[in-house]
Structure formats: C-alpha cells, structure tokens
Amino acid sequence: MPSLIDQLILHEGLRLKPYRCTENKLTIGVGRNIEERGITATEAMFLLKNDIEAVEKELSRFAWFTKQDEIRRRVLIDMGFMGVPRLLGFKKMIQALVADDYEKAAAEMLDSKWSRQVGGRAVRLAEMMRTGKDYDTE
C-alpha cells in the first residue's frame, strides 16, 4: 500500500485545498472528486473532530474562554466555526464574558450580522450563553 500511495500522490498530486481537476470537477486531497464522490459520514466526523480541536486550541489562548463552564465553551467553539478571527471581532460580547455578564454577552451575540445570517442557531446559542444550560434541557 505505501508504494501505491506514493504512486498516486506522484500522479494525482496532494492538494490540501479544493481545486478544479482537468475535468473541471471540484477535487481535494489526492484526486478526491468531491462533486461526484463526496465524503463518507465517518470522514465527515473525522474532519469535524479535527476542526473542533483546532478551534478549541485557538480559543484556549484566551482567559475569557478558559474560565467559562463547559456549556459556554461549547457556545464559543460553535461560534468559532465562523472563523476565530471573526469571533474575536465580537468585542462587546468578549468584554461581557470577562465581566461574567452573560445577559449582555447573549444580547451582543444577537445584535450582529452573524445572528441575522444563522437565525435559529444564534437564538439557541445566545440562550445557552445566557443561562449556562444546554439547548435541549429546560
């Protein structure tokens, strides 16, 4: 298998960002045609776990993140999927987190372009931020 892998990388190349192949199909990795083949649920979960770990690692540099309980850290990681630099733009929300003012943090989340873009997701996450309770509990 290692020699076949090396051979395929030689012929297909290894591309870590999507590109158009010679047939104009969206492709990634070593010749993975994601338009026609896509990915499996197992592959999606592998990518998701890696993405969660990456966002959490980026946010762990900040005391306002690490001091939060598990539910509020989940909210911030979820929001981090928009990109941590964009999340860091929520300066008033972060100031509210520093002050343990979760009502204000939730209000700042809802008063944003992001909230208008993601709708119900923002409402659920803001409620989790406000209460410290999971979205599926009362």
N, C-alpha and C. Protein backbone atom coordinates (compact mmCIF):
# COMPACT_ATOMS: atom_id res chain seq x y z
N MET A 1 0.81 -1.21 0.00
CA MET A 1 0.00 0.00 0.00
C MET A 1 0.85 1.27 0.00
N PRO A 2 1.95 1.34 0.79
CA PRO A 2 2.75 2.58 0.75
C PRO A 2 3.23 2.94 -0.64
N SER A 3 3.63 1.95 -1.44
CA SER A 3 4.11 2.28 -2.79
C SER A 3 2.96 2.75 -3.68
N LEU A 4 1.76 2.21 -3.50
CA LEU A 4 0.59 2.68 -4.26
C LEU A 4 0.25 4.11 -3.84
N ILE A 5 0.32 4.39 -2.56
CA ILE A 5 0.05 5.75 -2.08
C ILE A 5 1.05 6.72 -2.69
N ASP A 6 2.33 6.38 -2.65
CA ASP A 6 3.35 7.24 -3.25
C ASP A 6 3.10 7.43 -4.74
N GLN A 7 2.72 6.36 -5.42
CA GLN A 7 2.45 6.42 -6.85
C GLN A 7 1.28 7.36 -7.15
N LEU A 8 0.19 7.22 -6.38
CA LEU A 8 -0.98 8.07 -6.61
C LEU A 8 -0.69 9.53 -6.29
N ILE A 9 0.09 9.79 -5.24
CA ILE A 9 0.47 11.17 -4.94
C ILE A 9 1.31 11.73 -6.07
N LEU A 10 2.21 10.92 -6.64
CA LEU A 10 3.03 11.36 -7.76
C LEU A 10 2.14 11.74 -8.95
N HIS A 11 1.14 10.90 -9.23
CA HIS A 11 0.31 11.12 -10.42
C HIS A 11 -0.82 12.13 -10.20
N GLU A 12 -1.45 12.09 -9.04
CA GLU A 12 -2.59 12.98 -8.77
C GLU A 12 -2.16 14.28 -8.10
N GLY A 13 -1.08 14.23 -7.36
CA GLY A 13 -0.66 15.37 -6.54
C GLY A 13 -1.39 15.33 -5.20
N LEU A 14 -0.90 16.12 -4.27
CA LEU A 14 -1.52 16.23 -2.96
C LEU A 14 -1.91 17.69 -2.77
N ARG A 15 -3.20 17.96 -2.79
CA ARG A 15 -3.69 19.34 -2.69
C ARG A 15 -4.57 19.44 -1.45
N LEU A 16 -4.24 20.33 -0.55
CA LEU A 16 -4.93 20.45 0.72
C LEU A 16 -6.08 21.44 0.69
N LYS A 17 -6.25 22.09 -0.44
CA LYS A 17 -7.39 22.99 -0.63
C LYS A 17 -8.10 22.56 -1.91
N PRO A 18 -9.41 22.79 -1.99
CA PRO A 18 -10.16 22.39 -3.19
C PRO A 18 -9.61 23.06 -4.45
N TYR A 19 -9.66 22.31 -5.53
CA TYR A 19 -9.22 22.81 -6.84
C TYR A 19 -10.06 22.14 -7.92
N ARG A 20 -9.98 22.66 -9.11
CA ARG A 20 -10.68 22.06 -10.26
C ARG A 20 -9.70 21.17 -11.00
N CYS A 21 -10.06 19.91 -11.19
CA CYS A 21 -9.20 18.98 -11.92
C CYS A 21 -9.31 19.26 -13.43
N THR A 22 -8.63 18.44 -14.22
CA THR A 22 -8.64 18.64 -15.67
C THR A 22 -10.03 18.45 -16.27
N GLU A 23 -10.93 17.77 -15.55
CA GLU A 23 -12.32 17.60 -16.00
C GLU A 23 -13.23 18.65 -15.38
N ASN A 24 -12.64 19.67 -14.74
CA ASN A 24 -13.36 20.77 -14.10
C ASN A 24 -14.24 20.32 -12.93
N LYS A 25 -13.87 19.21 -12.28
CA LYS A 25 -14.59 18.71 -11.11
C LYS A 25 -13.89 19.24 -9.86
N LEU A 26 -14.68 19.63 -8.86
CA LEU A 26 -14.11 20.07 -7.59
C LEU A 26 -13.44 18.88 -6.92
N THR A 27 -12.17 19.05 -6.61
CA THR A 27 -11.32 17.95 -6.15
C THR A 27 -10.51 18.41 -4.95
N ILE A 28 -10.12 17.47 -4.10
CA ILE A 28 -9.28 17.78 -2.94
C ILE A 28 -8.43 16.55 -2.60
N GLY A 29 -7.38 16.79 -1.84
CA GLY A 29 -6.54 15.67 -1.39
C GLY A 29 -5.75 15.08 -2.52
N VAL A 30 -5.83 13.77 -2.66
CA VAL A 30 -5.15 13.05 -3.73
C VAL A 30 -6.21 12.59 -4.72
N GLY A 31 -6.69 13.52 -5.55
CA GLY A 31 -7.64 13.19 -6.60
C GLY A 31 -9.05 12.86 -6.14
N ARG A 32 -9.47 13.30 -4.95
CA ARG A 32 -10.84 13.01 -4.48
C ARG A 32 -11.81 13.96 -5.15
N ASN A 33 -12.62 13.42 -6.05
CA ASN A 33 -13.67 14.18 -6.73
C ASN A 33 -14.82 14.35 -5.74
N ILE A 34 -14.88 15.52 -5.10
CA ILE A 34 -15.91 15.69 -4.08
C ILE A 34 -17.27 16.05 -4.66
N GLU A 35 -17.32 16.42 -5.92
CA GLU A 35 -18.63 16.68 -6.55
C GLU A 35 -19.39 15.39 -6.75
N GLU A 36 -18.72 14.35 -7.21
CA GLU A 36 -19.40 13.10 -7.52
C GLU A 36 -19.29 12.08 -6.39
N ARG A 37 -18.13 12.03 -5.73
CA ARG A 37 -17.92 11.03 -4.69
C ARG A 37 -18.26 11.56 -3.30
N GLY A 38 -18.02 12.85 -3.06
CA GLY A 38 -18.28 13.41 -1.74
C GLY A 38 -17.36 12.80 -0.70
N ILE A 39 -17.86 12.74 0.54
CA ILE A 39 -17.14 12.09 1.62
C ILE A 39 -18.12 11.23 2.40
N THR A 40 -17.60 10.30 3.16
CA THR A 40 -18.46 9.44 3.97
C THR A 40 -18.79 10.13 5.29
N ALA A 41 -19.79 9.61 5.99
CA ALA A 41 -20.12 10.15 7.31
C ALA A 41 -18.94 9.99 8.26
N THR A 42 -18.21 8.89 8.16
CA THR A 42 -17.02 8.67 9.00
C THR A 42 -15.97 9.73 8.72
N GLU A 43 -15.74 10.02 7.44
CA GLU A 43 -14.78 11.06 7.08
C GLU A 43 -15.24 12.43 7.58
N ALA A 44 -16.53 12.71 7.46
CA ALA A 44 -17.07 13.99 7.94
C ALA A 44 -16.87 14.13 9.45
N MET A 45 -17.10 13.06 10.21
CA MET A 45 -16.92 13.11 11.66
C MET A 45 -15.44 13.27 12.03
N PHE A 46 -14.56 12.66 11.26
CA PHE A 46 -13.12 12.82 11.48
C PHE A 46 -12.72 14.28 11.28
N LEU A 47 -13.20 14.88 10.18
CA LEU A 47 -12.91 16.29 9.91
C LEU A 47 -13.50 17.18 11.00
N LEU A 48 -14.73 16.89 11.42
CA LEU A 48 -15.39 17.68 12.45
C LEU A 48 -14.61 17.66 13.75
N LYS A 49 -14.18 16.49 14.18
CA LYS A 49 -13.41 16.38 15.42
C LYS A 49 -12.11 17.17 15.31
N ASN A 50 -11.45 17.09 14.18
CA ASN A 50 -10.22 17.87 13.98
C ASN A 50 -10.51 19.36 14.02
N ASP A 51 -11.62 19.78 13.40
CA ASP A 51 -11.98 21.20 13.38
C ASP A 51 -12.32 21.69 14.79
N ILE A 52 -13.05 20.89 15.56
CA ILE A 52 -13.38 21.26 16.94
C ILE A 52 -12.09 21.45 17.75
N GLU A 53 -11.18 20.49 17.62
CA GLU A 53 -9.91 20.58 18.36
C GLU A 53 -9.12 21.82 17.95
N ALA A 54 -9.13 22.15 16.67
CA ALA A 54 -8.38 23.32 16.20
C ALA A 54 -8.97 24.61 16.75
N VAL A 55 -10.30 24.74 16.72
CA VAL A 55 -10.95 25.94 17.24
C VAL A 55 -10.72 26.04 18.75
N GLU A 56 -10.88 24.93 19.45
CA GLU A 56 -10.68 24.95 20.90
C GLU A 56 -9.24 25.33 21.25
N LYS A 57 -8.29 24.82 20.50
CA LYS A 57 -6.89 25.16 20.75
C LYS A 57 -6.65 26.66 20.54
N GLU A 58 -7.21 27.21 19.46
CA GLU A 58 -7.06 28.65 19.21
C GLU A 58 -7.67 29.48 20.33
N LEU A 59 -8.86 29.09 20.79
CA LEU A 59 -9.55 29.86 21.82
C LEU A 59 -8.92 29.68 23.20
N SER A 60 -8.24 28.57 23.41
CA SER A 60 -7.63 28.30 24.72
C SER A 60 -6.53 29.28 25.08
N ARG A 61 -6.12 30.11 24.17
CA ARG A 61 -5.12 31.15 24.46
C ARG A 61 -5.71 32.29 25.29
N PHE A 62 -7.05 32.34 25.37
CA PHE A 62 -7.72 33.47 25.99
C PHE A 62 -8.35 33.08 27.32
N ALA A 63 -8.04 33.85 28.37
CA ALA A 63 -8.58 33.58 29.71
C ALA A 63 -10.10 33.67 29.71
N TRP A 64 -10.67 34.59 28.93
CA TRP A 64 -12.13 34.73 28.90
C TRP A 64 -12.80 33.47 28.36
N PHE A 65 -12.06 32.67 27.60
CA PHE A 65 -12.60 31.38 27.12
C PHE A 65 -12.39 30.29 28.17
N THR A 66 -11.17 30.16 28.66
CA THR A 66 -10.85 29.04 29.55
C THR A 66 -11.59 29.12 30.88
N LYS A 67 -12.02 30.30 31.30
CA LYS A 67 -12.73 30.42 32.58
C LYS A 67 -14.20 30.03 32.48
N GLN A 68 -14.70 29.82 31.27
CA GLN A 68 -16.12 29.51 31.09
C GLN A 68 -16.42 28.05 31.45
N ASP A 69 -17.68 27.81 31.82
CA ASP A 69 -18.13 26.44 32.05
C ASP A 69 -18.23 25.72 30.71
N GLU A 70 -18.48 24.43 30.79
CA GLU A 70 -18.48 23.60 29.57
C GLU A 70 -19.50 24.07 28.54
N ILE A 71 -20.70 24.44 28.98
CA ILE A 71 -21.76 24.86 28.05
C ILE A 71 -21.33 26.13 27.32
N ARG A 72 -20.83 27.10 28.03
CA ARG A 72 -20.43 28.37 27.39
C ARG A 72 -19.20 28.18 26.51
N ARG A 73 -18.30 27.29 26.88
CA ARG A 73 -17.17 26.98 25.99
C ARG A 73 -17.69 26.35 24.69
N ARG A 74 -18.71 25.50 24.82
CA ARG A 74 -19.32 24.91 23.62
C ARG A 74 -19.90 25.98 22.72
N VAL A 75 -20.56 26.97 23.31
CA VAL A 75 -21.13 28.07 22.53
C VAL A 75 -20.02 28.77 21.76
N LEU A 76 -18.93 29.08 22.44
CA LEU A 76 -17.83 29.82 21.81
C LEU A 76 -17.14 28.99 20.74
N ILE A 77 -16.99 27.70 20.97
CA ILE A 77 -16.40 26.83 19.93
C ILE A 77 -17.33 26.79 18.73
N ASP A 78 -18.63 26.64 18.97
CA ASP A 78 -19.60 26.64 17.87
C ASP A 78 -19.49 27.93 17.07
N MET A 79 -19.44 29.05 17.76
CA MET A 79 -19.29 30.34 17.07
C MET A 79 -17.95 30.41 16.35
N GLY A 80 -16.93 29.76 16.90
CA GLY A 80 -15.61 29.76 16.29
C GLY A 80 -15.58 29.12 14.91
N PHE A 81 -16.63 28.38 14.57
CA PHE A 81 -16.69 27.78 13.23
C PHE A 81 -16.89 28.83 12.15
N MET A 82 -17.24 30.07 12.54
CA MET A 82 -17.28 31.16 11.56
C MET A 82 -15.87 31.66 11.26
N GLY A 83 -14.90 31.18 12.06
CA GLY A 83 -13.52 31.63 11.99
C GLY A 83 -13.19 32.38 13.28
N VAL A 84 -12.14 31.95 13.95
CA VAL A 84 -11.78 32.58 15.22
C VAL A 84 -11.51 34.07 15.05
N PRO A 85 -10.83 34.52 13.98
CA PRO A 85 -10.65 35.97 13.83
C PRO A 85 -11.98 36.73 13.80
N ARG A 86 -12.98 36.16 13.15
CA ARG A 86 -14.29 36.81 13.11
C ARG A 86 -14.93 36.80 14.49
N LEU A 87 -14.80 35.69 15.22
CA LEU A 87 -15.33 35.62 16.58
C LEU A 87 -14.67 36.68 17.46
N LEU A 88 -13.38 36.89 17.29
CA LEU A 88 -12.68 37.89 18.09
C LEU A 88 -13.17 39.31 17.82
N GLY A 89 -13.88 39.48 16.73
CA GLY A 89 -14.50 40.77 16.42
C GLY A 89 -15.71 41.09 17.29
N PHE A 90 -16.20 40.12 18.04
CA PHE A 90 -17.32 40.32 18.96
C PHE A 90 -16.79 40.92 20.26
N LYS A 91 -16.22 42.10 20.16
CA LYS A 91 -15.51 42.71 21.28
C LYS A 91 -16.41 42.99 22.48
N LYS A 92 -17.62 43.46 22.25
CA LYS A 92 -18.54 43.74 23.37
C LYS A 92 -18.99 42.45 24.04
N MET A 93 -19.18 41.38 23.27
CA MET A 93 -19.53 40.09 23.85
C MET A 93 -18.37 39.60 24.72
N ILE A 94 -17.15 39.74 24.22
CA ILE A 94 -15.98 39.29 24.97
C ILE A 94 -15.82 40.11 26.25
N GLN A 95 -16.05 41.42 26.16
CA GLN A 95 -15.99 42.26 27.37
C GLN A 95 -17.03 41.79 28.39
N ALA A 96 -18.20 41.43 27.92
CA ALA A 96 -19.25 40.93 28.81
C ALA A 96 -18.82 39.61 29.44
N LEU A 97 -18.16 38.75 28.68
CA LEU A 97 -17.68 37.47 29.23
C LEU A 97 -16.64 37.71 30.32
N VAL A 98 -15.75 38.65 30.08
CA VAL A 98 -14.73 38.99 31.08
C VAL A 98 -15.40 39.42 32.38
N ALA A 99 -16.52 40.14 32.26
CA ALA A 99 -17.25 40.65 33.43
C ALA A 99 -18.29 39.66 33.96
N ASP A 100 -18.35 38.45 33.39
CA ASP A 100 -19.35 37.44 33.77
C ASP A 100 -20.78 37.96 33.60
N ASP A 101 -20.99 38.82 32.62
CA ASP A 101 -22.31 39.37 32.34
C ASP A 101 -22.89 38.61 31.14
N TYR A 102 -23.52 37.49 31.44
CA TYR A 102 -23.99 36.60 30.37
C TYR A 102 -25.23 37.12 29.67
N GLU A 103 -26.04 37.92 30.34
CA GLU A 103 -27.18 38.57 29.69
C GLU A 103 -26.66 39.48 28.57
N LYS A 104 -25.66 40.28 28.88
CA LYS A 104 -25.09 41.20 27.88
C LYS A 104 -24.38 40.43 26.78
N ALA A 105 -23.65 39.39 27.15
CA ALA A 105 -22.96 38.58 26.14
C ALA A 105 -23.97 38.01 25.15
N ALA A 106 -25.07 37.48 25.66
CA ALA A 106 -26.11 36.91 24.79
C ALA A 106 -26.73 38.00 23.92
N ALA A 107 -26.99 39.17 24.50
CA ALA A 107 -27.57 40.27 23.72
C ALA A 107 -26.62 40.70 22.61
N GLU A 108 -25.35 40.75 22.90
CA GLU A 108 -24.36 41.13 21.88
C GLU A 108 -24.28 40.10 20.76
N MET A 109 -24.43 38.84 21.12
CA MET A 109 -24.45 37.80 20.09
C MET A 109 -25.61 38.03 19.13
N LEU A 110 -26.78 38.35 19.69
CA LEU A 110 -27.97 38.51 18.87
C LEU A 110 -27.98 39.81 18.07
N ASP A 111 -27.22 40.79 18.53
CA ASP A 111 -27.14 42.07 17.85
C ASP A 111 -25.96 42.07 16.89
N SER A 112 -26.03 41.20 15.89
CA SER A 112 -24.89 41.05 14.98
C SER A 112 -25.34 40.57 13.61
N LYS A 113 -24.51 40.82 12.63
CA LYS A 113 -24.75 40.31 11.28
C LYS A 113 -24.77 38.79 11.30
N TRP A 114 -23.87 38.19 12.09
CA TRP A 114 -23.81 36.73 12.22
C TRP A 114 -25.16 36.18 12.64
N SER A 115 -25.79 36.80 13.64
CA SER A 115 -27.08 36.34 14.13
C SER A 115 -28.13 36.37 13.02
N ARG A 116 -28.13 37.44 12.25
CA ARG A 116 -29.09 37.55 11.14
C ARG A 116 -28.82 36.49 10.07
N GLN A 117 -27.56 36.11 9.93
CA GLN A 117 -27.22 35.11 8.92
C GLN A 117 -27.59 33.69 9.35
N VAL A 118 -27.43 33.36 10.63
CA VAL A 118 -27.61 31.98 11.07
C VAL A 118 -28.93 31.71 11.78
N GLY A 119 -29.70 32.77 12.05
CA GLY A 119 -31.05 32.61 12.58
C GLY A 119 -31.17 31.82 13.87
N GLY A 120 -31.87 30.68 13.80
CA GLY A 120 -32.16 29.86 14.97
C GLY A 120 -30.92 29.39 15.72
N ARG A 121 -29.85 29.19 15.00
CA ARG A 121 -28.59 28.78 15.64
C ARG A 121 -28.17 29.86 16.64
N ALA A 122 -28.22 31.11 16.24
CA ALA A 122 -27.82 32.22 17.12
C ALA A 122 -28.76 32.30 18.32
N VAL A 123 -30.04 32.10 18.12
CA VAL A 123 -31.01 32.16 19.22
C VAL A 123 -30.69 31.06 20.24
N ARG A 124 -30.46 29.83 19.76
CA ARG A 124 -30.12 28.73 20.67
C ARG A 124 -28.83 29.01 21.43
N LEU A 125 -27.80 29.44 20.69
CA LEU A 125 -26.50 29.68 21.33
C LEU A 125 -26.57 30.83 22.32
N ALA A 126 -27.32 31.88 22.00
CA ALA A 126 -27.45 33.01 22.92
C ALA A 126 -28.16 32.56 24.20
N GLU A 127 -29.16 31.73 24.07
CA GLU A 127 -29.86 31.22 25.26
C GLU A 127 -28.93 30.35 26.10
N MET A 128 -28.12 29.54 25.45
CA MET A 128 -27.13 28.73 26.18
C MET A 128 -26.13 29.64 26.90
N MET A 129 -25.71 30.71 26.24
CA MET A 129 -24.78 31.65 26.84
C MET A 129 -25.43 32.33 28.04
N ARG A 130 -26.66 32.76 27.87
CA ARG A 130 -27.37 33.49 28.92
C ARG A 130 -27.58 32.63 30.16
N THR A 131 -27.99 31.36 29.95
CA THR A 131 -28.40 30.50 31.07
C THR A 131 -27.32 29.54 31.55
N GLY A 132 -26.37 29.21 30.69
CA GLY A 132 -25.40 28.18 31.04
C GLY A 132 -25.98 26.78 30.96
N LYS A 133 -27.16 26.65 30.31
CA LYS A 133 -27.82 25.35 30.18
C LYS A 133 -27.80 24.89 28.73
N ASP A 134 -27.78 23.60 28.56
CA ASP A 134 -27.79 23.00 27.23
C ASP A 134 -29.08 23.37 26.51
N TYR A 135 -29.05 23.40 25.18
CA TYR A 135 -30.22 23.82 24.41
C TYR A 135 -31.37 22.83 24.47
N ASP A 136 -31.10 21.59 24.82
CA ASP A 136 -32.18 20.59 24.82
C ASP A 136 -32.69 20.30 26.23
N THR A 137 -32.33 21.14 27.20
CA THR A 137 -32.84 20.95 28.57
C THR A 137 -33.62 22.20 28.95
N GLU A 138 -34.40 22.06 30.00
CA GLU A 138 -35.20 23.22 30.44
C GLU A 138 -34.56 23.97 31.53
